[in-house]
Amino acid sequence: MIVVRDPILQPISITALRPTQMTVGMREMNQKRDHLRTHVAKKIGKYLGGHMIPVAVGPRERHYIIDHHHLALALHKEGLEHVLVSVVANLSTLQADAFWIVLDHHAWVHPYDAKGRRREFEDIPRSIIDLSDDPFRSLAGELRRAGGFAKDITPFSEFLWADFLRRRIKRKHLDDDFSDALVRALKLAKSGEADFMPGWCGPSSDQ
């Protein structure tokens, strides 16, 4: 039985948080660092109170992040040691294999590597500091902010867009000229080629 708890008010060590995905967009994470440093440095306590990290409690009472991996890593990089968490589900009584299956069915885990390949749950890093970079995840995040697609409730929608772009834009192009790759991504996002994607906002068929 899943028991939803109230937010935990005592601080949790950021490095003790367990990720439920394998990658982040490091470019996007660094943008969050800039935001934290520039806009909220003097009010960090208030900011953290309004941006608690959602977690599922797993075996051995470990806290698994189910969202906001970029934020958690950005906070760590900026020197913060603790965050407040909000427990979405207490699954601490489950065995490890059952725990991951439950997370998978709730779409609370995304075991895909930086090449978009699904991996075993055991391949997911045990700390956020070991997350690897997926540049296409950064491109997808920038694409959404540029109006390429709408925010959507589909779980891991930006990772879906990252995989869509990965299959159509060469990594070298992205590495050499991010701005030009974004222009290409915007064209792709507005095309009929992307009409099956979450948050697609291209031209309708009757236009």
N, C-alpha and C. Protein backbone atom coordinates (compact mmCIF):
# COMPACT_ATOMS: atom_id res chain seq x y z
N MET A 1 0.84 -1.20 0.00
CA MET A 1 0.00 0.00 0.00
C MET A 1 0.87 1.25 0.00
N ILE A 2 0.56 2.19 -0.88
CA ILE A 2 1.30 3.43 -0.96
C ILE A 2 0.73 4.41 0.06
N VAL A 3 1.59 4.94 0.90
CA VAL A 3 1.16 5.91 1.91
C VAL A 3 1.84 7.23 1.61
N VAL A 4 1.04 8.25 1.34
CA VAL A 4 1.58 9.56 1.05
C VAL A 4 1.81 10.30 2.35
N ARG A 5 3.00 10.82 2.53
CA ARG A 5 3.35 11.52 3.74
C ARG A 5 3.36 13.03 3.52
N ASP A 6 3.35 13.76 4.63
CA ASP A 6 3.56 15.19 4.56
C ASP A 6 5.02 15.45 4.23
N PRO A 7 5.32 16.65 3.72
CA PRO A 7 6.72 16.97 3.44
C PRO A 7 7.61 16.78 4.67
N ILE A 8 8.81 16.27 4.43
CA ILE A 8 9.77 16.12 5.51
C ILE A 8 10.43 17.47 5.75
N LEU A 9 10.35 17.95 6.99
CA LEU A 9 10.86 19.27 7.28
C LEU A 9 12.35 19.26 7.65
N GLN A 10 12.84 18.11 8.11
CA GLN A 10 14.26 18.08 8.40
C GLN A 10 15.05 17.95 7.10
N PRO A 11 16.22 18.56 7.03
CA PRO A 11 16.99 18.53 5.78
C PRO A 11 17.53 17.14 5.47
N ILE A 12 17.59 16.84 4.17
CA ILE A 12 18.15 15.59 3.66
C ILE A 12 19.41 15.92 2.87
N SER A 13 20.47 15.17 3.08
CA SER A 13 21.70 15.39 2.34
C SER A 13 21.48 15.18 0.85
N ILE A 14 21.90 16.15 0.04
CA ILE A 14 21.72 16.05 -1.40
C ILE A 14 22.45 14.84 -1.97
N THR A 15 23.65 14.58 -1.48
CA THR A 15 24.44 13.47 -2.02
C THR A 15 23.87 12.11 -1.62
N ALA A 16 22.96 12.10 -0.63
CA ALA A 16 22.32 10.84 -0.24
C ALA A 16 21.09 10.54 -1.09
N LEU A 17 20.62 11.52 -1.85
CA LEU A 17 19.46 11.30 -2.70
C LEU A 17 19.82 10.37 -3.86
N ARG A 18 18.96 9.42 -4.13
CA ARG A 18 19.19 8.47 -5.22
C ARG A 18 18.43 8.92 -6.48
N PRO A 19 19.08 9.00 -7.62
CA PRO A 19 18.38 9.38 -8.86
C PRO A 19 17.53 8.24 -9.40
N THR A 20 16.57 8.59 -10.23
CA THR A 20 15.76 7.59 -10.93
C THR A 20 15.91 7.74 -12.44
N GLN A 21 16.94 8.43 -12.85
CA GLN A 21 17.28 8.54 -14.26
C GLN A 21 18.79 8.53 -14.38
N MET A 22 19.29 8.41 -15.59
CA MET A 22 20.71 8.23 -15.80
C MET A 22 21.42 9.51 -16.26
N THR A 23 20.65 10.43 -16.82
CA THR A 23 21.26 11.62 -17.42
C THR A 23 20.50 12.88 -17.04
N VAL A 24 21.18 14.00 -17.24
CA VAL A 24 20.56 15.32 -17.24
C VAL A 24 21.19 16.10 -18.39
N GLY A 25 20.62 17.23 -18.71
CA GLY A 25 21.26 18.14 -19.66
C GLY A 25 22.15 19.08 -18.86
N MET A 26 23.45 18.91 -18.95
CA MET A 26 24.36 19.72 -18.13
C MET A 26 24.27 21.20 -18.48
N ARG A 27 24.02 21.51 -19.73
CA ARG A 27 23.84 22.92 -20.11
C ARG A 27 22.65 23.51 -19.38
N GLU A 28 21.56 22.77 -19.33
CA GLU A 28 20.37 23.23 -18.63
C GLU A 28 20.64 23.33 -17.13
N MET A 29 21.36 22.35 -16.58
CA MET A 29 21.69 22.39 -15.16
C MET A 29 22.51 23.63 -14.83
N ASN A 30 23.44 23.99 -15.71
CA ASN A 30 24.26 25.18 -15.47
C ASN A 30 23.43 26.46 -15.55
N GLN A 31 22.40 26.45 -16.38
CA GLN A 31 21.49 27.60 -16.41
C GLN A 31 20.75 27.74 -15.09
N LYS A 32 20.40 26.62 -14.49
CA LYS A 32 19.76 26.66 -13.17
C LYS A 32 20.74 27.18 -12.12
N ARG A 33 22.00 26.83 -12.25
CA ARG A 33 23.02 27.36 -11.35
C ARG A 33 23.10 28.88 -11.46
N ASP A 34 23.08 29.38 -12.69
CA ASP A 34 23.12 30.83 -12.90
C ASP A 34 21.91 31.49 -12.26
N HIS A 35 20.75 30.87 -12.42
CA HIS A 35 19.52 31.41 -11.82
C HIS A 35 19.63 31.44 -10.30
N LEU A 36 20.10 30.36 -9.73
CA LEU A 36 20.24 30.30 -8.29
C LEU A 36 21.21 31.36 -7.78
N ARG A 37 22.31 31.52 -8.48
CA ARG A 37 23.35 32.45 -8.05
C ARG A 37 22.91 33.90 -8.21
N THR A 38 22.19 34.17 -9.28
CA THR A 38 21.84 35.54 -9.61
C THR A 38 20.56 36.02 -8.93
N HIS A 39 19.57 35.12 -8.85
CA HIS A 39 18.24 35.56 -8.43
C HIS A 39 17.81 35.15 -7.03
N VAL A 40 18.36 34.08 -6.50
CA VAL A 40 17.82 33.60 -5.23
C VAL A 40 18.87 33.42 -4.14
N ALA A 41 20.10 33.86 -4.41
CA ALA A 41 21.17 33.62 -3.45
C ALA A 41 20.85 34.19 -2.06
N LYS A 42 20.22 35.36 -2.01
CA LYS A 42 19.93 35.99 -0.73
C LYS A 42 18.67 35.47 -0.07
N LYS A 43 17.89 34.70 -0.81
CA LYS A 43 16.63 34.18 -0.27
C LYS A 43 16.56 32.66 -0.48
N ILE A 44 17.71 32.00 -0.34
CA ILE A 44 17.78 30.59 -0.68
C ILE A 44 16.89 29.74 0.21
N GLY A 45 16.76 30.12 1.49
CA GLY A 45 15.91 29.34 2.39
C GLY A 45 14.46 29.34 1.94
N LYS A 46 13.97 30.52 1.58
CA LYS A 46 12.60 30.64 1.09
C LYS A 46 12.42 29.89 -0.22
N TYR A 47 13.43 29.97 -1.07
CA TYR A 47 13.38 29.28 -2.37
C TYR A 47 13.29 27.77 -2.17
N LEU A 48 14.12 27.23 -1.29
CA LEU A 48 14.12 25.80 -1.05
C LEU A 48 12.79 25.34 -0.45
N GLY A 49 12.20 26.19 0.40
CA GLY A 49 10.91 25.84 0.98
C GLY A 49 9.82 25.74 -0.06
N GLY A 50 9.97 26.49 -1.15
CA GLY A 50 8.97 26.45 -2.22
C GLY A 50 9.33 25.50 -3.34
N HIS A 51 10.49 24.87 -3.27
CA HIS A 51 10.93 23.95 -4.32
C HIS A 51 11.44 22.65 -3.69
N MET A 52 10.59 22.01 -2.91
CA MET A 52 10.98 20.75 -2.29
C MET A 52 11.12 19.66 -3.33
N ILE A 53 12.06 18.76 -3.12
CA ILE A 53 12.35 17.70 -4.07
C ILE A 53 11.39 16.53 -3.83
N PRO A 54 10.59 16.12 -4.84
CA PRO A 54 9.69 14.98 -4.64
C PRO A 54 10.47 13.66 -4.67
N VAL A 55 10.18 12.81 -3.70
CA VAL A 55 10.90 11.54 -3.61
C VAL A 55 9.94 10.39 -3.31
N ALA A 56 10.40 9.20 -3.62
CA ALA A 56 9.77 7.97 -3.17
C ALA A 56 10.75 7.32 -2.20
N VAL A 57 10.26 6.89 -1.05
CA VAL A 57 11.12 6.21 -0.09
C VAL A 57 11.20 4.74 -0.49
N GLY A 58 12.41 4.25 -0.69
CA GLY A 58 12.60 2.89 -1.14
C GLY A 58 13.18 2.00 -0.07
N PRO A 59 13.65 0.83 -0.46
CA PRO A 59 14.28 -0.09 0.48
C PRO A 59 15.39 0.59 1.28
N ARG A 60 15.53 0.18 2.54
CA ARG A 60 16.52 0.74 3.46
C ARG A 60 16.27 2.23 3.72
N GLU A 61 15.03 2.67 3.51
CA GLU A 61 14.63 4.06 3.80
C GLU A 61 15.42 5.07 2.97
N ARG A 62 15.88 4.66 1.80
CA ARG A 62 16.59 5.59 0.93
C ARG A 62 15.59 6.45 0.16
N HIS A 63 16.00 7.68 -0.11
CA HIS A 63 15.13 8.63 -0.78
C HIS A 63 15.50 8.72 -2.27
N TYR A 64 14.55 8.37 -3.12
CA TYR A 64 14.77 8.36 -4.56
C TYR A 64 14.05 9.55 -5.20
N ILE A 65 14.81 10.40 -5.88
CA ILE A 65 14.22 11.56 -6.54
C ILE A 65 13.37 11.10 -7.72
N ILE A 66 12.15 11.60 -7.82
CA ILE A 66 11.32 11.27 -8.96
C ILE A 66 11.09 12.48 -9.86
N ASP A 67 11.68 13.61 -9.54
CA ASP A 67 11.62 14.82 -10.38
C ASP A 67 12.66 15.81 -9.86
N HIS A 68 12.94 16.82 -10.66
CA HIS A 68 13.85 17.91 -10.28
C HIS A 68 15.31 17.46 -10.10
N HIS A 69 15.74 16.52 -10.94
CA HIS A 69 17.14 16.11 -10.89
C HIS A 69 18.08 17.28 -11.23
N HIS A 70 17.69 18.09 -12.22
CA HIS A 70 18.53 19.22 -12.61
C HIS A 70 18.70 20.19 -11.45
N LEU A 71 17.60 20.47 -10.76
CA LEU A 71 17.66 21.40 -9.63
C LEU A 71 18.53 20.85 -8.51
N ALA A 72 18.35 19.58 -8.18
CA ALA A 72 19.13 18.98 -7.10
C ALA A 72 20.62 19.04 -7.41
N LEU A 73 20.98 18.73 -8.64
CA LEU A 73 22.40 18.76 -9.01
C LEU A 73 22.92 20.19 -9.01
N ALA A 74 22.11 21.14 -9.48
CA ALA A 74 22.52 22.54 -9.49
C ALA A 74 22.76 23.04 -8.06
N LEU A 75 21.89 22.67 -7.14
CA LEU A 75 22.05 23.06 -5.74
C LEU A 75 23.35 22.49 -5.17
N HIS A 76 23.62 21.24 -5.51
CA HIS A 76 24.87 20.61 -5.04
C HIS A 76 26.08 21.34 -5.61
N LYS A 77 26.04 21.64 -6.90
CA LYS A 77 27.16 22.32 -7.54
C LYS A 77 27.39 23.71 -6.95
N GLU A 78 26.31 24.32 -6.46
CA GLU A 78 26.42 25.64 -5.85
C GLU A 78 26.81 25.59 -4.38
N GLY A 79 27.11 24.40 -3.90
CA GLY A 79 27.65 24.27 -2.57
C GLY A 79 26.65 23.98 -1.47
N LEU A 80 25.39 23.82 -1.81
CA LEU A 80 24.42 23.47 -0.78
C LEU A 80 24.53 21.99 -0.44
N GLU A 81 24.37 21.67 0.82
CA GLU A 81 24.55 20.29 1.26
C GLU A 81 23.23 19.58 1.54
N HIS A 82 22.16 20.32 1.82
CA HIS A 82 20.89 19.70 2.20
C HIS A 82 19.72 20.36 1.47
N VAL A 83 18.64 19.59 1.30
CA VAL A 83 17.39 20.09 0.74
C VAL A 83 16.23 19.53 1.55
N LEU A 84 15.07 20.14 1.36
CA LEU A 84 13.85 19.59 1.92
C LEU A 84 13.20 18.72 0.86
N VAL A 85 12.60 17.61 1.28
CA VAL A 85 11.96 16.72 0.31
C VAL A 85 10.49 16.53 0.65
N SER A 86 9.73 16.20 -0.38
CA SER A 86 8.32 15.87 -0.23
C SER A 86 8.14 14.41 -0.63
N VAL A 87 7.69 13.59 0.30
CA VAL A 87 7.55 12.16 0.04
C VAL A 87 6.24 11.89 -0.69
N VAL A 88 6.35 11.43 -1.91
CA VAL A 88 5.18 11.12 -2.73
C VAL A 88 4.65 9.72 -2.41
N ALA A 89 5.55 8.80 -2.13
CA ALA A 89 5.14 7.43 -1.83
C ALA A 89 6.16 6.76 -0.91
N ASN A 90 5.67 5.97 0.02
CA ASN A 90 6.54 5.19 0.90
C ASN A 90 6.51 3.73 0.44
N LEU A 91 7.58 3.33 -0.20
CA LEU A 91 7.68 1.96 -0.74
C LEU A 91 8.81 1.21 -0.05
N SER A 92 9.11 1.61 1.17
CA SER A 92 10.27 1.08 1.86
C SER A 92 10.14 -0.39 2.24
N THR A 93 8.93 -0.93 2.24
CA THR A 93 8.75 -2.33 2.61
C THR A 93 8.97 -3.28 1.43
N LEU A 94 9.12 -2.73 0.22
CA LEU A 94 9.28 -3.57 -0.97
C LEU A 94 10.72 -4.06 -1.12
N GLN A 95 10.87 -5.22 -1.74
CA GLN A 95 12.17 -5.69 -2.16
C GLN A 95 12.63 -4.83 -3.35
N ALA A 96 13.92 -4.79 -3.58
CA ALA A 96 14.46 -3.90 -4.60
C ALA A 96 13.84 -4.12 -5.98
N ASP A 97 13.68 -5.39 -6.40
CA ASP A 97 13.14 -5.64 -7.73
C ASP A 97 11.70 -5.16 -7.84
N ALA A 98 10.90 -5.39 -6.80
CA ALA A 98 9.51 -4.94 -6.80
C ALA A 98 9.44 -3.42 -6.76
N PHE A 99 10.33 -2.80 -6.02
CA PHE A 99 10.38 -1.34 -5.91
C PHE A 99 10.54 -0.71 -7.29
N TRP A 100 11.50 -1.21 -8.07
CA TRP A 100 11.75 -0.62 -9.38
C TRP A 100 10.59 -0.87 -10.34
N ILE A 101 9.94 -2.01 -10.21
CA ILE A 101 8.77 -2.29 -11.06
C ILE A 101 7.64 -1.31 -10.76
N VAL A 102 7.41 -1.04 -9.47
CA VAL A 102 6.38 -0.07 -9.10
C VAL A 102 6.72 1.31 -9.64
N LEU A 103 7.98 1.72 -9.50
CA LEU A 103 8.38 3.02 -10.05
C LEU A 103 8.18 3.07 -11.56
N ASP A 104 8.50 1.98 -12.22
CA ASP A 104 8.36 1.93 -13.68
C ASP A 104 6.90 2.07 -14.10
N HIS A 105 6.01 1.40 -13.39
CA HIS A 105 4.59 1.47 -13.75
C HIS A 105 3.98 2.85 -13.45
N HIS A 106 4.56 3.56 -12.51
CA HIS A 106 4.10 4.92 -12.22
C HIS A 106 4.80 5.96 -13.09
N ALA A 107 5.69 5.53 -13.95
CA ALA A 107 6.50 6.44 -14.77
C ALA A 107 7.32 7.37 -13.89
N TRP A 108 7.88 6.81 -12.81
CA TRP A 108 8.74 7.56 -11.90
C TRP A 108 10.21 7.21 -12.10
N VAL A 109 10.52 6.47 -13.14
CA VAL A 109 11.90 6.10 -13.42
C VAL A 109 12.12 6.16 -14.93
N HIS A 110 13.31 6.57 -15.33
CA HIS A 110 13.64 6.71 -16.76
C HIS A 110 15.04 6.14 -16.99
N PRO A 111 15.13 4.81 -17.13
CA PRO A 111 16.44 4.16 -17.22
C PRO A 111 17.02 4.16 -18.64
N TYR A 112 17.24 5.36 -19.19
CA TYR A 112 17.78 5.49 -20.54
C TYR A 112 19.09 6.26 -20.48
N ASP A 113 20.07 5.80 -21.26
CA ASP A 113 21.38 6.43 -21.21
C ASP A 113 21.48 7.60 -22.17
N ALA A 114 22.67 8.17 -22.29
CA ALA A 114 22.87 9.38 -23.09
C ALA A 114 22.73 9.14 -24.59
N LYS A 115 22.59 7.88 -24.99
CA LYS A 115 22.34 7.57 -26.39
C LYS A 115 20.90 7.15 -26.62
N GLY A 116 20.07 7.30 -25.59
CA GLY A 116 18.66 6.97 -25.72
C GLY A 116 18.35 5.49 -25.61
N ARG A 117 19.30 4.72 -25.12
CA ARG A 117 19.11 3.26 -25.01
C ARG A 117 18.61 2.91 -23.61
N ARG A 118 17.58 2.05 -23.55
CA ARG A 118 17.10 1.61 -22.25
C ARG A 118 18.12 0.67 -21.62
N ARG A 119 18.35 0.88 -20.33
CA ARG A 119 19.32 0.08 -19.60
C ARG A 119 18.64 -0.61 -18.42
N GLU A 120 19.38 -1.45 -17.73
CA GLU A 120 18.86 -2.11 -16.54
C GLU A 120 18.74 -1.10 -15.39
N PHE A 121 17.79 -1.35 -14.49
CA PHE A 121 17.64 -0.45 -13.35
C PHE A 121 18.93 -0.35 -12.54
N GLU A 122 19.67 -1.43 -12.47
CA GLU A 122 20.90 -1.44 -11.68
C GLU A 122 21.97 -0.54 -12.28
N ASP A 123 21.79 -0.11 -13.53
CA ASP A 123 22.75 0.78 -14.16
C ASP A 123 22.52 2.25 -13.80
N ILE A 124 21.41 2.56 -13.15
CA ILE A 124 21.13 3.93 -12.73
C ILE A 124 22.13 4.32 -11.65
N PRO A 125 22.75 5.49 -11.76
CA PRO A 125 23.74 5.90 -10.75
C PRO A 125 23.13 5.93 -9.34
N ARG A 126 23.97 5.78 -8.35
CA ARG A 126 23.51 5.77 -6.97
C ARG A 126 23.56 7.14 -6.32
N SER A 127 24.06 8.12 -7.05
CA SER A 127 24.11 9.49 -6.53
C SER A 127 23.91 10.46 -7.68
N ILE A 128 23.31 11.61 -7.40
CA ILE A 128 23.10 12.60 -8.46
C ILE A 128 24.42 13.12 -9.01
N ILE A 129 25.49 13.03 -8.23
CA ILE A 129 26.77 13.55 -8.71
C ILE A 129 27.36 12.68 -9.81
N ASP A 130 26.77 11.49 -10.02
CA ASP A 130 27.26 10.58 -11.05
C ASP A 130 26.38 10.58 -12.30
N LEU A 131 25.40 11.48 -12.36
CA LEU A 131 24.57 11.57 -13.56
C LEU A 131 25.42 12.04 -14.74
N SER A 132 25.17 11.48 -15.91
CA SER A 132 25.94 11.85 -17.09
C SER A 132 25.18 12.87 -17.94
N ASP A 133 25.88 13.47 -18.86
CA ASP A 133 25.33 14.54 -19.68
C ASP A 133 24.67 13.99 -20.94
N ASP A 134 23.46 14.45 -21.21
CA ASP A 134 22.80 14.19 -22.48
C ASP A 134 22.52 15.55 -23.12
N PRO A 135 23.37 16.00 -24.05
CA PRO A 135 23.20 17.32 -24.66
C PRO A 135 21.84 17.50 -25.34
N PHE A 136 21.25 16.41 -25.80
CA PHE A 136 19.95 16.53 -26.46
C PHE A 136 18.84 16.83 -25.44
N ARG A 137 19.06 16.46 -24.18
CA ARG A 137 18.11 16.85 -23.14
C ARG A 137 18.16 18.35 -22.91
N SER A 138 19.35 18.92 -22.98
CA SER A 138 19.48 20.38 -22.89
C SER A 138 18.83 21.05 -24.09
N LEU A 139 19.00 20.47 -25.27
CA LEU A 139 18.39 21.03 -26.47
C LEU A 139 16.88 20.98 -26.37
N ALA A 140 16.35 19.90 -25.85
CA ALA A 140 14.90 19.77 -25.69
C ALA A 140 14.36 20.82 -24.71
N GLY A 141 15.09 21.04 -23.62
CA GLY A 141 14.66 22.04 -22.66
C GLY A 141 14.66 23.43 -23.26
N GLU A 142 15.70 23.75 -24.03
CA GLU A 142 15.78 25.06 -24.68
C GLU A 142 14.71 25.18 -25.75
N LEU A 143 14.42 24.09 -26.43
CA LEU A 143 13.37 24.08 -27.45
C LEU A 143 12.02 24.42 -26.85
N ARG A 144 11.70 23.86 -25.69
CA ARG A 144 10.43 24.18 -25.04
C ARG A 144 10.36 25.65 -24.65
N ARG A 145 11.45 26.17 -24.09
CA ARG A 145 11.46 27.58 -23.69
C ARG A 145 11.36 28.51 -24.88
N ALA A 146 11.80 28.03 -26.05
CA ALA A 146 11.71 28.84 -27.27
C ALA A 146 10.35 28.71 -27.95
N GLY A 147 9.44 27.94 -27.36
CA GLY A 147 8.11 27.78 -27.93
C GLY A 147 7.97 26.64 -28.91
N GLY A 148 8.96 25.75 -28.93
CA GLY A 148 8.92 24.63 -29.87
C GLY A 148 7.84 23.61 -29.55
N PHE A 149 7.53 23.47 -28.27
CA PHE A 149 6.43 22.61 -27.85
C PHE A 149 5.93 23.08 -26.51
N ALA A 150 4.73 22.69 -26.16
CA ALA A 150 4.10 23.15 -24.93
C ALA A 150 4.43 22.23 -23.77
N LYS A 151 4.43 22.78 -22.58
CA LYS A 151 4.61 21.97 -21.38
C LYS A 151 3.50 20.94 -21.34
N ASP A 152 3.84 19.72 -21.00
CA ASP A 152 2.89 18.61 -21.13
C ASP A 152 2.98 17.72 -19.89
N ILE A 153 1.87 17.08 -19.55
CA ILE A 153 1.85 16.22 -18.37
C ILE A 153 2.44 14.84 -18.63
N THR A 154 2.75 14.54 -19.90
CA THR A 154 3.35 13.25 -20.21
C THR A 154 4.66 13.08 -19.44
N PRO A 155 4.81 11.99 -18.69
CA PRO A 155 6.06 11.80 -17.94
C PRO A 155 7.29 11.82 -18.84
N PHE A 156 8.31 12.52 -18.41
CA PHE A 156 9.59 12.59 -19.12
C PHE A 156 9.41 13.10 -20.55
N SER A 157 8.49 14.03 -20.74
CA SER A 157 8.22 14.52 -22.09
C SER A 157 9.45 15.16 -22.73
N GLU A 158 10.27 15.85 -21.95
CA GLU A 158 11.46 16.47 -22.53
C GLU A 158 12.50 15.43 -22.93
N PHE A 159 12.51 14.30 -22.24
CA PHE A 159 13.39 13.21 -22.67
C PHE A 159 12.87 12.60 -23.98
N LEU A 160 11.55 12.55 -24.15
CA LEU A 160 10.99 12.06 -25.41
C LEU A 160 11.39 12.98 -26.56
N TRP A 161 11.34 14.29 -26.29
CA TRP A 161 11.78 15.24 -27.31
C TRP A 161 13.28 15.12 -27.56
N ALA A 162 14.03 14.87 -26.52
CA ALA A 162 15.47 14.69 -26.69
C ALA A 162 15.75 13.53 -27.63
N ASP A 163 15.01 12.44 -27.46
CA ASP A 163 15.23 11.28 -28.32
C ASP A 163 14.77 11.56 -29.75
N PHE A 164 13.67 12.32 -29.89
CA PHE A 164 13.20 12.72 -31.22
C PHE A 164 14.28 13.52 -31.94
N LEU A 165 14.88 14.47 -31.24
CA LEU A 165 15.91 15.31 -31.84
C LEU A 165 17.20 14.54 -32.09
N ARG A 166 17.51 13.61 -31.21
CA ARG A 166 18.74 12.81 -31.34
C ARG A 166 18.76 12.03 -32.66
N ARG A 167 17.58 11.63 -33.11
CA ARG A 167 17.47 10.84 -34.33
C ARG A 167 17.50 11.69 -35.59
N ARG A 168 17.50 13.02 -35.42
CA ARG A 168 17.39 13.90 -36.59
C ARG A 168 18.46 14.98 -36.67
N ILE A 169 19.17 15.19 -35.58
CA ILE A 169 20.24 16.19 -35.57
C ILE A 169 21.52 15.48 -35.13
N LYS A 170 22.58 15.70 -35.85
CA LYS A 170 23.84 15.04 -35.52
C LYS A 170 24.45 15.64 -34.26
N ARG A 171 25.05 14.78 -33.45
CA ARG A 171 25.67 15.22 -32.20
C ARG A 171 26.76 16.26 -32.48
N LYS A 172 27.52 16.09 -33.56
CA LYS A 172 28.58 17.03 -33.87
C LYS A 172 28.01 18.41 -34.16
N HIS A 173 26.89 18.44 -34.85
CA HIS A 173 26.21 19.71 -35.14
C HIS A 173 25.83 20.39 -33.83
N LEU A 174 25.28 19.62 -32.92
CA LEU A 174 24.87 20.15 -31.62
C LEU A 174 26.07 20.66 -30.83
N ASP A 175 27.15 19.89 -30.82
CA ASP A 175 28.33 20.28 -30.07
C ASP A 175 29.01 21.51 -30.66
N ASP A 176 29.01 21.61 -32.00
CA ASP A 176 29.73 22.70 -32.67
C ASP A 176 28.94 24.01 -32.67
N ASP A 177 27.62 23.93 -32.76
CA ASP A 177 26.82 25.16 -32.89
C ASP A 177 25.44 24.92 -32.28
N PHE A 178 25.35 25.11 -30.96
CA PHE A 178 24.09 24.86 -30.26
C PHE A 178 22.97 25.75 -30.79
N SER A 179 23.27 27.01 -31.07
CA SER A 179 22.25 27.94 -31.55
C SER A 179 21.67 27.51 -32.88
N ASP A 180 22.52 27.07 -33.78
CA ASP A 180 22.04 26.63 -35.09
C ASP A 180 21.26 25.32 -34.95
N ALA A 181 21.69 24.46 -34.05
CA ALA A 181 20.97 23.21 -33.80
C ALA A 181 19.58 23.52 -33.25
N LEU A 182 19.46 24.57 -32.43
CA LEU A 182 18.16 24.96 -31.92
C LEU A 182 17.24 25.45 -33.04
N VAL A 183 17.79 26.18 -33.99
CA VAL A 183 17.00 26.62 -35.15
C VAL A 183 16.47 25.41 -35.90
N ARG A 184 17.32 24.44 -36.11
CA ARG A 184 16.92 23.19 -36.78
C ARG A 184 15.85 22.47 -35.96
N ALA A 185 16.04 22.44 -34.65
CA ALA A 185 15.07 21.77 -33.76
C ALA A 185 13.71 22.45 -33.83
N LEU A 186 13.69 23.77 -33.89
CA LEU A 186 12.41 24.50 -33.98
C LEU A 186 11.66 24.14 -35.26
N LYS A 187 12.38 24.04 -36.35
CA LYS A 187 11.75 23.65 -37.62
C LYS A 187 11.17 22.24 -37.53
N LEU A 188 11.94 21.34 -36.95
CA LEU A 188 11.47 19.97 -36.79
C LEU A 188 10.25 19.91 -35.88
N ALA A 189 10.28 20.68 -34.79
CA ALA A 189 9.20 20.63 -33.81
C ALA A 189 7.88 21.14 -34.38
N LYS A 190 7.95 22.07 -35.31
CA LYS A 190 6.74 22.64 -35.90
C LYS A 190 6.26 21.85 -37.12
N SER A 191 7.00 20.86 -37.52
CA SER A 191 6.65 20.09 -38.72
C SER A 191 5.70 18.94 -38.38
N GLY A 192 5.07 18.41 -39.41
CA GLY A 192 4.19 17.27 -39.23
C GLY A 192 4.93 16.03 -38.76
N GLU A 193 6.24 16.05 -38.91
CA GLU A 193 7.07 14.92 -38.49
C GLU A 193 6.99 14.71 -36.98
N ALA A 194 6.60 15.78 -36.26
CA ALA A 194 6.57 15.72 -34.80
C ALA A 194 5.14 15.70 -34.25
N ASP A 195 4.15 15.48 -35.08
CA ASP A 195 2.76 15.63 -34.63
C ASP A 195 2.32 14.59 -33.60
N PHE A 196 3.13 13.57 -33.39
CA PHE A 196 2.79 12.56 -32.39
C PHE A 196 3.43 12.85 -31.03
N MET A 197 4.22 13.90 -30.96
CA MET A 197 4.99 14.19 -29.76
C MET A 197 4.16 14.95 -28.72
N PRO A 198 4.46 14.75 -27.42
CA PRO A 198 3.71 15.46 -26.38
C PRO A 198 3.95 16.97 -26.46
N GLY A 199 2.85 17.72 -26.37
CA GLY A 199 2.96 19.18 -26.40
C GLY A 199 3.17 19.75 -27.78
N TRP A 200 3.01 18.94 -28.82
CA TRP A 200 3.22 19.44 -30.20
C TRP A 200 2.29 20.60 -30.46
N CYS A 201 2.82 21.67 -31.03
CA CYS A 201 2.01 22.84 -31.34
C CYS A 201 2.31 23.35 -32.72
N GLY A 202 2.44 22.42 -33.67
CA GLY A 202 2.65 22.79 -35.05
C GLY A 202 1.35 23.20 -35.72
N PRO A 203 1.40 23.53 -36.99
CA PRO A 203 0.19 23.95 -37.71
C PRO A 203 -0.81 22.82 -37.81
N SER A 204 -2.08 23.16 -37.68
CA SER A 204 -3.13 22.14 -37.79
C SER A 204 -3.32 21.75 -39.23
N SER A 205 -3.92 20.58 -39.44
CA SER A 205 -4.04 20.03 -40.79
C SER A 205 -4.97 20.84 -41.67
N ASP A 206 -5.84 21.69 -41.05
CA ASP A 206 -6.79 22.45 -41.88
C ASP A 206 -6.27 23.83 -42.24
N GLN A 207 -5.02 24.13 -41.87
CA GLN A 207 -4.47 25.44 -42.22
C GLN A 207 -3.87 25.41 -43.61
